[in-house]
Amino acid sequence: TLQNCQHLEVLETGGAAVSSRPYLAVASLEGALVNQ
C-alpha cells in the first residue's frame, strides 16, 4: 500500500480525494471472468 500510494495523484476537495488511481480490482472465481 505504501508503494502504491506514491503513484497517487491527490486532489484537494474539502478532504483528500484520489483523482487518478492506477489500478482496478476484480472479483473472480477462476481468474478469467468477472463472476464472483
PDB file of all heavy atoms in Angstrom:
ATOM      1  N   THR A   1       0.830  -1.205   0.000  1.00  0.00           N
ATOM      2  CA  THR A   1       0.000   0.000   0.000  1.00  0.00           C
ATOM      3  C   THR A   1       0.864   1.255   0.000  1.00  0.00           C
ATOM      4  O   THR A   1       0.585   2.213  -0.722  1.00  0.00           O
ATOM      5  CB  THR A   1      -0.924   0.010   1.233  1.00  0.00           C
ATOM      6  OG1 THR A   1      -1.761  -1.139   1.193  1.00  0.00           O
ATOM      7  CG2 THR A   1      -1.790   1.262   1.256  1.00  0.00           C
ATOM      8  N   LEU A   2       1.939   1.249   0.803  1.00  0.00           N
ATOM      9  CA  LEU A   2       2.853   2.387   0.833  1.00  0.00           C
ATOM     10  C   LEU A   2       3.424   2.653  -0.557  1.00  0.00           C
ATOM     11  O   LEU A   2       3.433   3.795  -1.036  1.00  0.00           O
ATOM     12  CB  LEU A   2       3.987   2.111   1.824  1.00  0.00           C
ATOM     13  CG  LEU A   2       5.160   3.095   1.810  1.00  0.00           C
ATOM     14  CD1 LEU A   2       4.711   4.452   2.315  1.00  0.00           C
ATOM     15  CD2 LEU A   2       6.312   2.570   2.647  1.00  0.00           C
ATOM     16  N   GLN A   3       3.893   1.612  -1.214  1.00  0.00           N
ATOM     17  CA  GLN A   3       4.478   1.771  -2.541  1.00  0.00           C
ATOM     18  C   GLN A   3       3.441   2.245  -3.558  1.00  0.00           C
ATOM     19  O   GLN A   3       3.735   3.061  -4.434  1.00  0.00           O
ATOM     20  CB  GLN A   3       5.110   0.444  -2.984  1.00  0.00           C
ATOM     21  CG  GLN A   3       6.324   0.065  -2.151  1.00  0.00           C
ATOM     22  CD  GLN A   3       6.734  -1.377  -2.332  1.00  0.00           C
ATOM     23  OE1 GLN A   3       6.009  -2.189  -2.908  1.00  0.00           O
ATOM     24  NE2 GLN A   3       7.904  -1.721  -1.831  1.00  0.00           N
ATOM     25  N   ASN A   4       2.214   1.742  -3.421  1.00  0.00           N
ATOM     26  CA  ASN A   4       1.161   2.156  -4.343  1.00  0.00           C
ATOM     27  C   ASN A   4       0.773   3.620  -4.148  1.00  0.00           C
ATOM     28  O   ASN A   4       0.441   4.319  -5.107  1.00  0.00           O
ATOM     29  CB  ASN A   4      -0.077   1.276  -4.173  1.00  0.00           C
ATOM     30  CG  ASN A   4       0.149  -0.151  -4.650  1.00  0.00           C
ATOM     31  OD1 ASN A   4       1.043  -0.404  -5.452  1.00  0.00           O
ATOM     32  ND2 ASN A   4      -0.645  -1.079  -4.164  1.00  0.00           N
ATOM     33  N   CYS A   5       0.818   4.080  -2.907  1.00  0.00           N
ATOM     34  CA  CYS A   5       0.395   5.456  -2.616  1.00  0.00           C
ATOM     35  C   CYS A   5       1.289   6.489  -3.296  1.00  0.00           C
ATOM     36  O   CYS A   5       0.837   7.598  -3.592  1.00  0.00           O
ATOM     37  CB  CYS A   5       0.387   5.699  -1.106  1.00  0.00           C
ATOM     38  SG  CYS A   5      -1.070   5.038  -0.261  1.00  0.00           S
ATOM     39  N   GLN A   6       2.546   6.135  -3.554  1.00  0.00           N
ATOM     40  CA  GLN A   6       3.430   7.114  -4.181  1.00  0.00           C
ATOM     41  C   GLN A   6       3.068   7.376  -5.642  1.00  0.00           C
ATOM     42  O   GLN A   6       3.580   8.318  -6.249  1.00  0.00           O
ATOM     43  CB  GLN A   6       4.883   6.667  -4.073  1.00  0.00           C
ATOM     44  CG  GLN A   6       5.267   5.490  -4.928  1.00  0.00           C
ATOM     45  CD  GLN A   6       6.720   5.104  -4.772  1.00  0.00           C
ATOM     46  OE1 GLN A   6       7.568   5.948  -4.490  1.00  0.00           O
ATOM     47  NE2 GLN A   6       7.018   3.826  -4.949  1.00  0.00           N
ATOM     48  N   HIS A   7       2.157   6.572  -6.198  1.00  0.00           N
ATOM     49  CA  HIS A   7       1.728   6.775  -7.581  1.00  0.00           C
ATOM     50  C   HIS A   7       0.404   7.545  -7.658  1.00  0.00           C
ATOM     51  O   HIS A   7      -0.090   7.802  -8.754  1.00  0.00           O
ATOM     52  CB  HIS A   7       1.571   5.438  -8.290  1.00  0.00           C
ATOM     53  CG  HIS A   7       2.826   4.615  -8.303  1.00  0.00           C
ATOM     54  ND1 HIS A   7       3.997   5.055  -8.880  1.00  0.00           N
ATOM     55  CD2 HIS A   7       3.101   3.386  -7.774  1.00  0.00           C
ATOM     56  CE1 HIS A   7       4.933   4.135  -8.725  1.00  0.00           C
ATOM     57  NE2 HIS A   7       4.420   3.123  -8.056  1.00  0.00           N
ATOM     58  N   LEU A   8      -0.164   7.873  -6.501  1.00  0.00           N
ATOM     59  CA  LEU A   8      -1.466   8.527  -6.492  1.00  0.00           C
ATOM     60  C   LEU A   8      -1.358  10.017  -6.755  1.00  0.00           C
ATOM     61  O   LEU A   8      -0.440  10.683  -6.284  1.00  0.00           O
ATOM     62  CB  LEU A   8      -2.158   8.324  -5.137  1.00  0.00           C
ATOM     63  CG  LEU A   8      -2.427   6.880  -4.701  1.00  0.00           C
ATOM     64  CD1 LEU A   8      -3.136   6.885  -3.369  1.00  0.00           C
ATOM     65  CD2 LEU A   8      -3.234   6.138  -5.737  1.00  0.00           C
ATOM     66  N   GLU A   9      -2.307  10.527  -7.493  1.00  0.00           N
ATOM     67  CA  GLU A   9      -2.474  11.972  -7.624  1.00  0.00           C
ATOM     68  C   GLU A   9      -3.626  12.364  -6.725  1.00  0.00           C
ATOM     69  O   GLU A   9      -4.730  11.847  -6.866  1.00  0.00           O
ATOM     70  CB  GLU A   9      -2.789  12.345  -9.072  1.00  0.00           C
ATOM     71  CG  GLU A   9      -3.015  13.826  -9.288  1.00  0.00           C
ATOM     72  CD  GLU A   9      -3.498  14.125 -10.696  1.00  0.00           C
ATOM     73  OE1 GLU A   9      -3.404  13.245 -11.553  1.00  0.00           O
ATOM     74  OE2 GLU A   9      -3.992  15.242 -10.898  1.00  0.00           O
ATOM     75  N   VAL A  10      -3.372  13.231  -5.765  1.00  0.00           N
ATOM     76  CA  VAL A  10      -4.389  13.564  -4.773  1.00  0.00           C
ATOM     77  C   VAL A  10      -4.916  14.965  -5.014  1.00  0.00           C
ATOM     78  O   VAL A  10      -4.159  15.931  -5.130  1.00  0.00           O
ATOM     79  CB  VAL A  10      -3.816  13.444  -3.344  1.00  0.00           C
ATOM     80  CG1 VAL A  10      -4.877  13.758  -2.313  1.00  0.00           C
ATOM     81  CG2 VAL A  10      -3.290  12.028  -3.128  1.00  0.00           C
ATOM     82  N   LEU A  11      -6.219  15.071  -5.093  1.00  0.00           N
ATOM     83  CA  LEU A  11      -6.892  16.333  -5.371  1.00  0.00           C
ATOM     84  C   LEU A  11      -7.561  16.823  -4.100  1.00  0.00           C
ATOM     85  O   LEU A  11      -8.231  16.052  -3.407  1.00  0.00           O
ATOM     86  CB  LEU A  11      -7.940  16.131  -6.465  1.00  0.00           C
ATOM     87  CG  LEU A  11      -8.708  17.341  -6.959  1.00  0.00           C
ATOM     88  CD1 LEU A  11      -7.757  18.296  -7.677  1.00  0.00           C
ATOM     89  CD2 LEU A  11      -9.821  16.899  -7.896  1.00  0.00           C
ATOM     90  N   GLU A  12      -7.366  18.093  -3.750  1.00  0.00           N
ATOM     91  CA  GLU A  12      -7.972  18.647  -2.538  1.00  0.00           C
ATOM     92  C   GLU A  12      -9.383  19.136  -2.834  1.00  0.00           C
ATOM     93  O   GLU A  12      -9.581  20.063  -3.599  1.00  0.00           O
ATOM     94  CB  GLU A  12      -7.128  19.805  -2.016  1.00  0.00           C
ATOM     95  CG  GLU A  12      -5.663  19.464  -1.787  1.00  0.00           C
ATOM     96  CD  GLU A  12      -5.472  18.293  -0.851  1.00  0.00           C
ATOM     97  OE1 GLU A  12      -6.297  18.104   0.054  1.00  0.00           O
ATOM     98  OE2 GLU A  12      -4.489  17.564  -1.024  1.00  0.00           O
ATOM     99  N   THR A  13     -10.365  18.487  -2.216  1.00  0.00           N
ATOM    100  CA  THR A  13     -11.765  18.876  -2.396  1.00  0.00           C
ATOM    101  C   THR A  13     -12.465  18.813  -1.046  1.00  0.00           C
ATOM    102  O   THR A  13     -13.392  18.052  -0.844  1.00  0.00           O
ATOM    103  CB  THR A  13     -12.473  17.942  -3.393  1.00  0.00           C
ATOM    104  OG1 THR A  13     -12.320  16.583  -2.934  1.00  0.00           O
ATOM    105  CG2 THR A  13     -11.899  18.067  -4.788  1.00  0.00           C
ATOM    106  N   GLY A  14     -11.974  19.617  -0.112  1.00  0.00           N
ATOM    107  CA  GLY A  14     -12.532  19.574   1.232  1.00  0.00           C
ATOM    108  C   GLY A  14     -12.051  18.357   1.998  1.00  0.00           C
ATOM    109  O   GLY A  14     -12.563  18.007   3.032  1.00  0.00           O
ATOM    110  N   GLY A  15     -11.076  17.690   1.495  1.00  0.00           N
ATOM    111  CA  GLY A  15     -10.515  16.483   2.072  1.00  0.00           C
ATOM    112  C   GLY A  15      -9.698  15.808   0.998  1.00  0.00           C
ATOM    113  O   GLY A  15      -9.764  16.178  -0.160  1.00  0.00           O
ATOM    114  N   ALA A  16      -8.948  14.801   1.345  1.00  0.00           N
ATOM    115  CA  ALA A  16      -8.100  14.147   0.349  1.00  0.00           C
ATOM    116  C   ALA A  16      -8.933  13.211  -0.509  1.00  0.00           C
ATOM    117  O   ALA A  16      -9.541  12.272  -0.013  1.00  0.00           O
ATOM    118  CB  ALA A  16      -6.981  13.379   1.052  1.00  0.00           C
ATOM    119  N   ALA A  17      -8.995  13.454  -1.789  1.00  0.00           N
ATOM    120  CA  ALA A  17      -9.701  12.579  -2.713  1.00  0.00           C
ATOM    121  C   ALA A  17      -8.746  12.182  -3.828  1.00  0.00           C
ATOM    122  O   ALA A  17      -8.184  13.042  -4.486  1.00  0.00           O
ATOM    123  CB  ALA A  17     -10.924  13.287  -3.304  1.00  0.00           C
ATOM    124  N   VAL A  18      -8.581  10.895  -4.015  1.00  0.00           N
ATOM    125  CA  VAL A  18      -7.646  10.438  -5.029  1.00  0.00           C
ATOM    126  C   VAL A  18      -8.291  10.571  -6.396  1.00  0.00           C
ATOM    127  O   VAL A  18      -9.369  10.068  -6.646  1.00  0.00           O
ATOM    128  CB  VAL A  18      -7.242   8.979  -4.772  1.00  0.00           C
ATOM    129  CG1 VAL A  18      -6.294   8.490  -5.844  1.00  0.00           C
ATOM    130  CG2 VAL A  18      -6.605   8.851  -3.409  1.00  0.00           C
ATOM    131  N   SER A  19      -7.642  11.313  -7.292  1.00  0.00           N
ATOM    132  CA  SER A  19      -8.251  11.617  -8.577  1.00  0.00           C
ATOM    133  C   SER A  19      -7.714  10.756  -9.705  1.00  0.00           C
ATOM    134  O   SER A  19      -8.334  10.667 -10.743  1.00  0.00           O
ATOM    135  CB  SER A  19      -8.002  13.094  -8.917  1.00  0.00           C
ATOM    136  OG  SER A  19      -6.622  13.336  -9.068  1.00  0.00           O
ATOM    137  N   SER A  20      -6.583  10.146  -9.537  1.00  0.00           N
ATOM    138  CA  SER A  20      -6.001   9.391 -10.642  1.00  0.00           C
ATOM    139  C   SER A  20      -5.349   8.133 -10.089  1.00  0.00           C
ATOM    140  O   SER A  20      -4.144   8.063  -9.939  1.00  0.00           O
ATOM    141  CB  SER A  20      -4.974  10.234 -11.404  1.00  0.00           C
ATOM    142  OG  SER A  20      -4.419   9.499 -12.467  1.00  0.00           O
ATOM    143  N   ARG A  21      -6.163   7.125  -9.820  1.00  0.00           N
ATOM    144  CA  ARG A  21      -5.643   5.890  -9.249  1.00  0.00           C
ATOM    145  C   ARG A  21      -5.245   4.954 -10.384  1.00  0.00           C
ATOM    146  O   ARG A  21      -5.957   4.832 -11.370  1.00  0.00           O
ATOM    147  CB  ARG A  21      -6.684   5.236  -8.353  1.00  0.00           C
ATOM    148  CG  ARG A  21      -7.259   6.198  -7.331  1.00  0.00           C
ATOM    149  CD  ARG A  21      -8.104   5.489  -6.311  1.00  0.00           C
ATOM    150  NE  ARG A  21      -8.863   6.445  -5.514  1.00  0.00           N
ATOM    151  CZ  ARG A  21      -9.407   6.160  -4.352  1.00  0.00           C
ATOM    152  NH1 ARG A  21      -9.284   4.959  -3.848  1.00  0.00           N
ATOM    153  NH2 ARG A  21     -10.079   7.080  -3.685  1.00  0.00           N
ATOM    154  N   PRO A  22      -4.137   4.266 -10.232  1.00  0.00           N
ATOM    155  CA  PRO A  22      -3.614   3.495 -11.357  1.00  0.00           C
ATOM    156  C   PRO A  22      -4.247   2.131 -11.572  1.00  0.00           C
ATOM    157  O   PRO A  22      -4.053   1.532 -12.632  1.00  0.00           O
ATOM    158  CB  PRO A  22      -2.133   3.341 -11.001  1.00  0.00           C
ATOM    159  CG  PRO A  22      -2.111   3.368  -9.504  1.00  0.00           C
ATOM    160  CD  PRO A  22      -3.204   4.316  -9.102  1.00  0.00           C
ATOM    161  N   TYR A  23      -5.011   1.622 -10.581  1.00  0.00           N
ATOM    162  CA  TYR A  23      -5.429   0.227 -10.665  1.00  0.00           C
ATOM    163  C   TYR A  23      -6.942   0.028 -10.635  1.00  0.00           C
ATOM    164  O   TYR A  23      -7.721   0.939 -10.346  1.00  0.00           O
ATOM    165  CB  TYR A  23      -4.791  -0.569  -9.529  1.00  0.00           C
ATOM    166  CG  TYR A  23      -3.284  -0.516  -9.538  1.00  0.00           C
ATOM    167  CD1 TYR A  23      -2.568  -0.188  -8.390  1.00  0.00           C
ATOM    168  CD2 TYR A  23      -2.564  -0.791 -10.699  1.00  0.00           C
ATOM    169  CE1 TYR A  23      -1.181  -0.130  -8.397  1.00  0.00           C
ATOM    170  CE2 TYR A  23      -1.186  -0.736 -10.720  1.00  0.00           C
ATOM    171  CZ  TYR A  23      -0.497  -0.407  -9.568  1.00  0.00           C
ATOM    172  OH  TYR A  23       0.876  -0.340  -9.587  1.00  0.00           O
ATOM    173  N   LEU A  24      -7.320  -1.219 -10.881  1.00  0.00           N
ATOM    174  CA  LEU A  24      -8.705  -1.662 -10.904  1.00  0.00           C
ATOM    175  C   LEU A  24      -8.733  -3.047 -10.269  1.00  0.00           C
ATOM    176  O   LEU A  24      -7.826  -3.855 -10.499  1.00  0.00           O
ATOM    177  CB  LEU A  24      -9.186  -1.695 -12.362  1.00  0.00           C
ATOM    178  CG  LEU A  24     -10.565  -2.219 -12.717  1.00  0.00           C
ATOM    179  CD1 LEU A  24     -10.996  -1.596 -14.043  1.00  0.00           C
ATOM    180  CD2 LEU A  24     -10.562  -3.734 -12.872  1.00  0.00           C
ATOM    181  N   ALA A  25      -9.752  -3.334  -9.461  1.00  0.00           N
ATOM    182  CA  ALA A  25      -9.849  -4.630  -8.785  1.00  0.00           C
ATOM    183  C   ALA A  25     -10.982  -5.453  -9.390  1.00  0.00           C
ATOM    184  O   ALA A  25     -11.984  -4.905  -9.868  1.00  0.00           O
ATOM    185  CB  ALA A  25     -10.088  -4.424  -7.285  1.00  0.00           C
ATOM    186  N   VAL A  26     -10.820  -6.778  -9.359  1.00  0.00           N
ATOM    187  CA  VAL A  26     -11.803  -7.688  -9.953  1.00  0.00           C
ATOM    188  C   VAL A  26     -12.061  -8.853  -9.009  1.00  0.00           C
ATOM    189  O   VAL A  26     -11.118  -9.441  -8.457  1.00  0.00           O
ATOM    190  CB  VAL A  26     -11.300  -8.239 -11.311  1.00  0.00           C
ATOM    191  CG1 VAL A  26     -12.327  -9.207 -11.897  1.00  0.00           C
ATOM    192  CG2 VAL A  26     -11.010  -7.118 -12.291  1.00  0.00           C
ATOM    193  N   ALA A  27     -13.341  -9.202  -8.841  1.00  0.00           N
ATOM    194  CA  ALA A  27     -13.721 -10.400  -8.089  1.00  0.00           C
ATOM    195  C   ALA A  27     -14.009 -11.510  -9.086  1.00  0.00           C
ATOM    196  O   ALA A  27     -14.907 -11.391  -9.917  1.00  0.00           O
ATOM    197  CB  ALA A  27     -14.947 -10.123  -7.221  1.00  0.00           C
ATOM    198  N   SER A  28     -13.227 -12.590  -8.989  1.00  0.00           N
ATOM    199  CA  SER A  28     -13.346 -13.674  -9.974  1.00  0.00           C
ATOM    200  C   SER A  28     -13.147 -15.019  -9.297  1.00  0.00           C
ATOM    201  O   SER A  28     -12.285 -15.176  -8.425  1.00  0.00           O
ATOM    202  CB  SER A  28     -12.315 -13.487 -11.090  1.00  0.00           C
ATOM    203  OG  SER A  28     -12.337 -14.575 -11.982  1.00  0.00           O
ATOM    204  N   LEU A  29     -13.940 -16.015  -9.726  1.00  0.00           N
ATOM    205  CA  LEU A  29     -13.801 -17.355  -9.171  1.00  0.00           C
ATOM    206  C   LEU A  29     -12.567 -18.073  -9.684  1.00  0.00           C
ATOM    207  O   LEU A  29     -11.882 -18.763  -8.944  1.00  0.00           O
ATOM    208  CB  LEU A  29     -15.054 -18.183  -9.496  1.00  0.00           C
ATOM    209  CG  LEU A  29     -16.339 -17.792  -8.759  1.00  0.00           C
ATOM    210  CD1 LEU A  29     -17.544 -18.456  -9.413  1.00  0.00           C
ATOM    211  CD2 LEU A  29     -16.247 -18.180  -7.289  1.00  0.00           C
ATOM    212  N   GLU A  30     -12.279 -17.890 -10.990  1.00  0.00           N
ATOM    213  CA  GLU A  30     -11.207 -18.667 -11.598  1.00  0.00           C
ATOM    214  C   GLU A  30     -10.146 -17.824 -12.294  1.00  0.00           C
ATOM    215  O   GLU A  30      -9.146 -18.334 -12.780  1.00  0.00           O
ATOM    216  CB  GLU A  30     -11.773 -19.689 -12.602  1.00  0.00           C
ATOM    217  CG  GLU A  30     -12.238 -19.116 -13.940  1.00  0.00           C
ATOM    218  CD  GLU A  30     -13.309 -18.065 -13.819  1.00  0.00           C
ATOM    219  OE1 GLU A  30     -14.416 -18.411 -13.394  1.00  0.00           O
ATOM    220  OE2 GLU A  30     -13.031 -16.897 -14.140  1.00  0.00           O
ATOM    221  N   GLY A  31     -10.344 -16.488 -12.322  1.00  0.00           N
ATOM    222  CA  GLY A  31      -9.332 -15.623 -12.896  1.00  0.00           C
ATOM    223  C   GLY A  31      -9.541 -15.273 -14.349  1.00  0.00           C
ATOM    224  O   GLY A  31      -8.709 -14.560 -14.930  1.00  0.00           O
ATOM    225  N   ALA A  32     -10.644 -15.730 -14.942  1.00  0.00           N
ATOM    226  CA  ALA A  32     -10.914 -15.416 -16.343  1.00  0.00           C
ATOM    227  C   ALA A  32     -12.146 -14.545 -16.506  1.00  0.00           C
ATOM    228  O   ALA A  32     -12.217 -13.723 -17.427  1.00  0.00           O
ATOM    229  CB  ALA A  32     -11.093 -16.706 -17.149  1.00  0.00           C
ATOM    230  N   LEU A  33     -13.119 -14.700 -15.625  1.00  0.00           N
ATOM    231  CA  LEU A  33     -14.398 -13.993 -15.734  1.00  0.00           C
ATOM    232  C   LEU A  33     -14.667 -13.154 -14.492  1.00  0.00           C
ATOM    233  O   LEU A  33     -14.233 -13.494 -13.389  1.00  0.00           O
ATOM    234  CB  LEU A  33     -15.556 -14.986 -15.911  1.00  0.00           C
ATOM    235  CG  LEU A  33     -15.482 -15.952 -17.091  1.00  0.00           C
ATOM    236  CD1 LEU A  33     -16.617 -16.958 -16.993  1.00  0.00           C
ATOM    237  CD2 LEU A  33     -15.536 -15.188 -18.415  1.00  0.00           C
ATOM    238  N   VAL A  34     -15.417 -12.069 -14.685  1.00  0.00           N
ATOM    239  CA  VAL A  34     -15.989 -11.331 -13.551  1.00  0.00           C
ATOM    240  C   VAL A  34     -17.232 -12.105 -13.157  1.00  0.00           C
ATOM    241  O   VAL A  34     -18.268 -12.020 -13.819  1.00  0.00           O
ATOM    242  CB  VAL A  34     -16.356  -9.888 -13.945  1.00  0.00           C
ATOM    243  CG1 VAL A  34     -16.875  -9.142 -12.709  1.00  0.00           C
ATOM    244  CG2 VAL A  34     -15.177  -9.160 -14.548  1.00  0.00           C
ATOM    245  N   ASN A  35     -17.172 -12.902 -12.110  1.00  0.00           N
ATOM    246  CA  ASN A  35     -18.280 -13.814 -11.805  1.00  0.00           C
ATOM    247  C   ASN A  35     -18.412 -14.134 -10.319  1.00  0.00           C
ATOM    248  O   ASN A  35     -18.961 -15.161  -9.956  1.00  0.00           O
ATOM    249  CB  ASN A  35     -18.133 -15.107 -12.603  1.00  0.00           C
ATOM    250  CG  ASN A  35     -16.822 -15.831 -12.322  1.00  0.00           C
ATOM    251  OD1 ASN A  35     -16.054 -15.423 -11.457  1.00  0.00           O
ATOM    252  ND2 ASN A  35     -16.568 -16.903 -13.063  1.00  0.00           N
ATOM    253  N   GLN A  36     -17.900 -13.254  -9.445  1.00  0.00           N
ATOM    254  CA  GLN A  36     -17.959 -13.533  -8.017  1.00  0.00           C
ATOM    255  C   GLN A  36     -18.562 -12.375  -7.251  1.00  0.00           C
ATOM    256  O   GLN A  36     -18.265 -11.209  -7.523  1.00  0.00           O
ATOM    257  CB  GLN A  36     -16.563 -13.848  -7.480  1.00  0.00           C
ATOM    258  CG  GLN A  36     -16.565 -14.401  -6.059  1.00  0.00           C
ATOM    259  CD  GLN A  36     -15.186 -14.846  -5.618  1.00  0.00           C
ATOM    260  OE1 GLN A  36     -14.178 -14.285  -6.049  1.00  0.00           O
ATOM    261  NE2 GLN A  36     -15.122 -15.850  -4.760  1.00  0.00           N
TER     262      GLN A  36
END
